[in-house]
C-alpha atoms as a PDB file:
ATOM      1  CA  UNK A   1     -43.684  78.587 -63.071  1.00  0.00           C
ATOM      2  CA  UNK A   2     -47.090  79.128 -61.165  1.00  0.00           C
ATOM      3  CA  UNK A   3     -47.928  77.227 -58.027  1.00  0.00           C
ATOM      4  CA  UNK A   4     -50.863  77.501 -56.248  1.00  0.00           C
ATOM      5  CA  UNK A   5     -50.152  77.092 -52.442  1.00  0.00           C
ATOM      6  CA  UNK A   6     -53.135  76.045 -49.813  1.00  0.00           C
ATOM      7  CA  UNK A   7     -54.457  79.757 -48.308  1.00  0.00           C
ATOM      8  CA  UNK A   8     -52.456  78.582 -44.574  1.00  0.00           C
ATOM      9  CA  UNK A   9     -49.324  78.203 -46.492  1.00  0.00           C
ATOM     10  CA  UNK A  10     -49.679  81.905 -48.558  1.00  0.00           C
ATOM     11  CA  UNK A  11     -50.424  83.170 -45.366  1.00  0.00           C
ATOM     12  CA  UNK A  12     -47.525  82.097 -43.661  1.00  0.00           C
ATOM     13  CA  UNK A  13     -45.205  83.241 -46.684  1.00  0.00           C
ATOM     14  CA  UNK A  14     -46.799  86.881 -46.596  1.00  0.00           C
ATOM     15  CA  UNK A  15     -46.278  86.828 -42.593  1.00  0.00           C
ATOM     16  CA  UNK A  16     -42.417  85.999 -43.293  1.00  0.00           C
ATOM     17  CA  UNK A  17     -42.037  88.183 -46.057  1.00  0.00           C
ATOM     18  CA  UNK A  18     -44.025  91.021 -44.176  1.00  0.00           C
ATOM     19  CA  UNK A  19     -41.294  90.776 -40.950  1.00  0.00           C
ATOM     20  CA  UNK A  20     -38.299  90.747 -43.132  1.00  0.00           C
ATOM     21  CA  UNK A  21     -37.239  87.126 -43.213  1.00  0.00           C
ATOM     22  CA  UNK A  22     -37.344  87.158 -46.944  1.00  0.00           C
ATOM     23  CA  UNK A  23     -37.405  89.510 -49.453  1.00  0.00           C
ATOM     24  CA  UNK A  24     -39.795  88.094 -51.667  1.00  0.00           C
ATOM     25  CA  UNK A  25     -42.187  85.150 -51.554  1.00  0.00           C
ATOM     26  CA  UNK A  26     -40.350  83.866 -54.641  1.00  0.00           C
ATOM     27  CA  UNK A  27     -37.203  83.776 -52.346  1.00  0.00           C
ATOM     28  CA  UNK A  28     -38.854  82.089 -49.755  1.00  0.00           C
ATOM     29  CA  UNK A  29     -40.244  79.774 -52.089  1.00  0.00           C
ATOM     30  CA  UNK A  30     -36.656  79.153 -53.597  1.00  0.00           C
ATOM     31  CA  UNK A  31     -35.292  78.864 -50.017  1.00  0.00           C
ATOM     32  CA  UNK A  32     -37.648  75.890 -49.067  1.00  0.00           C
ATOM     33  CA  UNK A  33     -37.186  74.248 -52.048  1.00  0.00           C
ATOM     34  CA  UNK A  34     -33.029  74.289 -51.968  1.00  0.00           C
ATOM     35  CA  UNK A  35     -33.464  72.918 -48.744  1.00  0.00           C
ATOM     36  CA  UNK A  36     -35.765  70.190 -49.436  1.00  0.00           C
ATOM     37  CA  UNK A  37     -33.660  69.498 -52.243  1.00  0.00           C
ATOM     38  CA  UNK A  38     -30.479  69.327 -49.785  1.00  0.00           C
ATOM     39  CA  UNK A  39     -32.307  67.193 -47.301  1.00  0.00           C
ATOM     40  CA  UNK A  40     -32.713  64.721 -49.525  1.00  0.00           C
ATOM     41  CA  UNK A  41     -29.699  64.185 -50.889  1.00  0.00           C
ATOM     42  CA  UNK A  42     -28.042  63.683 -47.494  1.00  0.00           C
ATOM     43  CA  UNK A  43     -30.905  61.451 -46.908  1.00  0.00           C
ATOM     44  CA  UNK A  44     -29.646  59.267 -49.675  1.00  0.00           C
ATOM     45  CA  UNK A  45     -25.998  59.539 -48.792  1.00  0.00           C
ATOM     46  CA  UNK A  46     -27.060  58.296 -45.354  1.00  0.00           C
ATOM     47  CA  UNK A  47     -28.980  55.111 -46.994  1.00  0.00           C
ATOM     48  CA  UNK A  48     -26.202  54.418 -49.057  1.00  0.00           C
ATOM     49  CA  UNK A  49     -23.293  54.546 -45.944  1.00  0.00           C
ATOM     50  CA  UNK A  50     -25.999  52.193 -44.439  1.00  0.00           C
ATOM     51  CA  UNK A  51     -25.848  49.571 -47.177  1.00  0.00           C
ATOM     52  CA  UNK A  52     -22.314  50.044 -47.864  1.00  0.00           C
ATOM     53  CA  UNK A  53     -21.432  49.309 -43.828  1.00  0.00           C
ATOM     54  CA  UNK A  54     -24.245  46.298 -44.131  1.00  0.00           C
ATOM     55  CA  UNK A  55     -22.715  45.085 -47.073  1.00  0.00           C
ATOM     56  CA  UNK A  56     -19.364  45.056 -44.949  1.00  0.00           C
ATOM     57  CA  UNK A  57     -20.826  43.519 -42.257  1.00  0.00           C
ATOM     58  CA  UNK A  58     -22.019  40.463 -44.372  1.00  0.00           C
ATOM     59  CA  UNK A  59     -18.486  40.093 -45.983  1.00  0.00           C
ATOM     60  CA  UNK A  60     -16.723  40.188 -42.188  1.00  0.00           C
ATOM     61  CA  UNK A  61     -19.647  37.617 -41.464  1.00  0.00           C
ATOM     62  CA  UNK A  62     -21.130  39.346 -38.968  1.00  0.00           C
ATOM     63  CA  UNK A  63     -24.861  38.964 -39.289  1.00  0.00           C
ATOM     64  CA  UNK A  64     -27.431  36.976 -38.207  1.00  0.00           C
ATOM     65  CA  UNK A  65     -29.903  34.519 -40.422  1.00  0.00           C
ATOM     66  CA  UNK A  66     -33.523  34.083 -39.315  1.00  0.00           C
ATOM     67  CA  UNK A  67     -35.855  31.557 -40.366  1.00  0.00           C
ATOM     68  CA  UNK A  68     -39.430  31.052 -39.528  1.00  0.00           C
ATOM     69  CA  UNK A  69     -38.615  29.890 -36.453  1.00  0.00           C
ATOM     70  CA  UNK A  70     -36.454  32.937 -34.892  1.00  0.00           C
ATOM     71  CA  UNK A  71     -38.006  35.668 -36.729  1.00  0.00           C
ATOM     72  CA  UNK A  72     -41.338  35.952 -34.254  1.00  0.00           C
ATOM     73  CA  UNK A  73     -37.910  36.270 -31.962  1.00  0.00           C
ATOM     74  CA  UNK A  74     -36.326  39.377 -33.570  1.00  0.00           C
ATOM     75  CA  UNK A  75     -40.003  40.510 -34.723  1.00  0.00           C
ATOM     76  CA  UNK A  76     -40.569  40.620 -30.892  1.00  0.00           C
ATOM     77  CA  UNK A  77     -37.470  41.977 -30.171  1.00  0.00           C
ATOM     78  CA  UNK A  78     -37.778  44.692 -32.155  1.00  0.00           C
ATOM     79  CA  UNK A  79     -41.391  45.584 -31.104  1.00  0.00           C
ATOM     80  CA  UNK A  80     -40.154  45.956 -27.390  1.00  0.00           C
ATOM     81  CA  UNK A  81     -37.144  47.912 -28.693  1.00  0.00           C
ATOM     82  CA  UNK A  82     -39.883  50.503 -30.251  1.00  0.00           C
ATOM     83  CA  UNK A  83     -41.812  50.556 -26.391  1.00  0.00           C
ATOM     84  CA  UNK A  84     -38.760  51.489 -24.940  1.00  0.00           C
ATOM     85  CA  UNK A  85     -37.989  54.378 -27.702  1.00  0.00           C
ATOM     86  CA  UNK A  86     -41.496  55.598 -27.307  1.00  0.00           C
ATOM     87  CA  UNK A  87     -41.058  55.777 -23.705  1.00  0.00           C
ATOM     88  CA  UNK A  88     -37.957  57.347 -23.472  1.00  0.00           C
ATOM     89  CA  UNK A  89     -39.706  59.878 -26.211  1.00  0.00           C
ATOM     90  CA  UNK A  90     -42.166  60.211 -23.694  1.00  0.00           C
ATOM     91  CA  UNK A  91     -40.215  61.066 -21.237  1.00  0.00           C
ATOM     92  CA  UNK A  92     -37.463  63.077 -22.598  1.00  0.00           C
ATOM     93  CA  UNK A  93     -39.014  64.639 -25.272  1.00  0.00           C
ATOM     94  CA  UNK A  94     -36.552  63.349 -27.456  1.00  0.00           C
ATOM     95  CA  UNK A  95     -34.898  60.134 -29.189  1.00  0.00           C
END
C-alpha cells in the first residue's frame, strides 16, 4: 500500500525518525494507526457504557420528560453550563 502524506506531515515523520524516536517512517505510521484504532475502540466502549447507564436510569424511572414548553428551559440550562465550562477552561486551561 502506498500512501501520500501532506508535506508538513512527511517532514514531521522524517524529523521523528531522524531523532531516533522511530526506526522507520513505516513504524511511526503503523504505531499511529494502531493508537488511532485503539482510541476509536475506547471511545466506542465509553459510548456503550453511557448508553447502558442511561437505559438503567430509564428502567429505574430516573429521568426527566420534556415537552415544547419545558425544552426551552433545558436548552437555556445547557447553554449556561456550556458558558460556565468555557469560562472555567479559560481560567484553568482545562476542562
